[in-house]
């Protein structure tokens, strides 16, 4: 399928065009879809990152490339891999564990 994309990798992603209150621009996003899914389909699920924003329970604080910010799990988006501009790195283990915990809580019954 071409590009190998791993969970918790951070890519620069072209999010435009957007509608309404969706996070816009080309910005870093964390891949949250599982590797098994990423290996077999042309889309990935990403969570945008921001250095601005409110401390909502659906936002995970993180340090990435020397900047403090948030992983915005309330703005999850499925994007085609063609929107991925370049890989920037991966988030650390603390952020990974927090992302999984918040996602589990968000989608629990």
Protein backbone atom coordinates (compact mmCIF):
# COMPACT_ATOMS: atom_id res chain seq x y z
CA UNK A 1 0.00 0.00 0.00
CA UNK A 2 3.04 2.29 -0.18
CA UNK A 3 3.59 4.55 2.81
CA UNK A 4 4.14 2.82 6.17
CA UNK A 5 2.56 4.91 8.91
CA UNK A 6 2.88 3.99 12.58
CA UNK A 7 0.65 4.81 15.52
CA UNK A 8 1.94 7.74 17.62
CA UNK A 9 4.06 9.11 14.78
CA UNK A 10 3.71 12.86 14.30
CA UNK A 11 3.22 14.07 10.74
CA UNK A 12 2.77 17.50 9.26
CA UNK A 13 -0.76 17.17 7.81
CA UNK A 14 -2.68 19.41 5.39
CA UNK A 15 -6.04 19.74 7.14
CA UNK A 16 -7.58 22.31 4.78
CA UNK A 17 -10.24 22.65 3.52
CA UNK A 18 -12.20 22.71 6.76
CA UNK A 19 -15.74 23.64 7.81
CA UNK A 20 -16.89 25.59 10.85
CA UNK A 21 -14.92 25.01 14.04
CA UNK A 22 -12.58 22.32 12.70
CA UNK A 23 -8.87 22.88 13.33
CA UNK A 24 -7.32 24.22 10.15
CA UNK A 25 -4.00 24.78 8.39
CA UNK A 26 -1.09 22.45 7.82
CA UNK A 27 -0.04 21.39 11.29
CA UNK A 28 1.50 18.53 13.27
CA UNK A 29 -0.89 15.66 13.99
CA UNK A 30 -0.47 12.45 15.96
CA UNK A 31 -1.53 9.23 14.24
CA UNK A 32 -3.91 7.41 16.62
CA UNK A 33 -5.20 4.64 14.36
CA UNK A 34 -3.64 1.20 15.03
CA UNK A 35 -0.74 -0.09 12.93
CA UNK A 36 -2.84 -3.01 11.62
CA UNK A 37 -5.32 -0.55 10.14
CA UNK A 38 -2.62 1.84 8.90
CA UNK A 39 -0.91 -0.97 6.97
CA UNK A 40 -3.99 -1.97 4.97
CA UNK A 41 -6.03 1.10 4.10
CA UNK A 42 -5.26 4.46 2.46
CA UNK A 43 -6.49 6.55 5.40
CA UNK A 44 -5.30 7.16 8.95
CA UNK A 45 -6.97 8.66 12.01
CA UNK A 46 -5.10 11.67 13.36
CA UNK A 47 -5.37 14.07 16.28
CA UNK A 48 -4.16 17.62 15.59
CA UNK A 49 -1.59 19.22 17.88
CA UNK A 50 -1.70 22.83 19.01
CA UNK A 51 0.35 25.18 21.15
CA UNK A 52 -2.82 27.16 21.93
CA UNK A 53 -6.08 26.06 23.45
CA UNK A 54 -8.05 25.31 26.55
CA UNK A 55 -7.16 22.60 29.08
CA UNK A 56 -10.15 20.39 28.24
CA UNK A 57 -10.18 16.78 29.53
CA UNK A 58 -10.06 15.61 25.89
CA UNK A 59 -6.71 17.34 25.32
CA UNK A 60 -3.44 15.69 26.29
CA UNK A 61 -0.59 18.01 27.29
CA UNK A 62 2.72 17.11 25.65
CA UNK A 63 6.22 18.31 24.83
CA UNK A 64 7.26 17.86 21.21
CA UNK A 65 10.39 19.21 19.58
CA UNK A 66 10.99 21.56 22.49
CA UNK A 67 7.50 23.07 22.46
CA UNK A 68 4.69 22.63 24.97
CA UNK A 69 1.31 21.92 23.49
CA UNK A 70 -1.72 19.67 23.41
CA UNK A 71 -2.90 16.68 21.44
CA UNK A 72 -6.49 17.62 20.57
CA UNK A 73 -8.48 14.38 20.85
CA UNK A 74 -11.83 16.18 20.50
CA UNK A 75 -10.85 16.98 16.89
CA UNK A 76 -10.05 13.44 15.65
CA UNK A 77 -10.09 13.23 11.88
CA UNK A 78 -9.74 10.52 9.26
CA UNK A 79 -7.45 11.71 6.47
CA UNK A 80 -6.05 10.18 3.31
CA UNK A 81 -2.33 9.45 3.56
CA UNK A 82 -1.87 11.89 0.67
CA UNK A 83 -2.51 14.70 3.20
CA UNK A 84 0.61 13.68 5.17
CA UNK A 85 3.37 16.10 4.18
CA UNK A 86 6.31 14.71 6.19
CA UNK A 87 7.12 12.78 9.34
CA UNK A 88 8.27 14.97 12.22
CA UNK A 89 8.93 12.32 14.88
CA UNK A 90 7.00 10.40 17.53
CA UNK A 91 5.41 11.37 20.83
CA UNK A 92 6.94 10.07 24.06
CA UNK A 93 5.63 7.19 26.15
CA UNK A 94 3.90 9.46 28.67
CA UNK A 95 1.88 11.11 25.90
CA UNK A 96 1.11 7.73 24.29
CA UNK A 97 -0.29 6.33 27.52
CA UNK A 98 -2.33 9.49 28.16
CA UNK A 99 -3.75 9.44 24.61
CA UNK A 100 -4.85 5.80 24.97
CA UNK A 101 -6.43 6.50 28.38
CA UNK A 102 -8.39 9.52 27.12
CA UNK A 103 -9.54 7.68 23.97
CA UNK A 104 -10.70 4.73 26.09
CA UNK A 105 -12.68 7.10 28.31
CA UNK A 106 -14.14 9.01 25.35
CA UNK A 107 -15.46 5.87 23.67
CA UNK A 108 -16.47 3.87 26.77
CA UNK A 109 -20.14 3.18 27.40
